[in-house]
């Protein structure tokens, strides 16, 4: 039964995650955290962090990690297949349609109408994770702010947007900085 749930949960993710990996994050959260309670929100954020750091698409990496956590290696295979199956079918059909009608205005209008929805999905995912970084998922009050997380977010944002730093270097630098700051903070508290 768990294999069927994994397969159909990630078929939904694969089928409706229009716009790429970041747009899939709210869909994965809905299936994994909200609907099936396979992970807590904190575990989900850790999952997205790991899925982002490892090679490959976020949705596929997430499916693999959730599948292995819930049902072992066979669960990982089933969840991953569920995630990629819709894409294989849809991309094959869309490649045919796009090749045949690529100069048509109807297709161009459809694609231009999908862009705002994709941006909204990505923004919703980003704001959910930012809320977890700044407030650990608790009430959004000024006395609950994680200043280290907020500072690392702001620094990474500036490094990536303004100075176009390498994302891997930025993630590594932020990870090391966060570790050092948290160790210093916990040592000061002792």
Foldseek 3Di string as FASTA:
>chain_A
DVLVLLLQLLLVLQQPQPQFQLLSLVSCCCSCPPPPNLDHPVVSLVLQVVLVPDDDGSSLSSSLVSLCSPPRNVRSVSNNCSNCVNVVVVVVVVVVVCVVCVPPPVVVVVVVVCVVVSVVSNVVSVVVSVCCQQQVPDDPDPVRGPVLSVVLVVVLVCCCPVVVDDNVVSVVVSVVSSVVVVVVVVVVVD
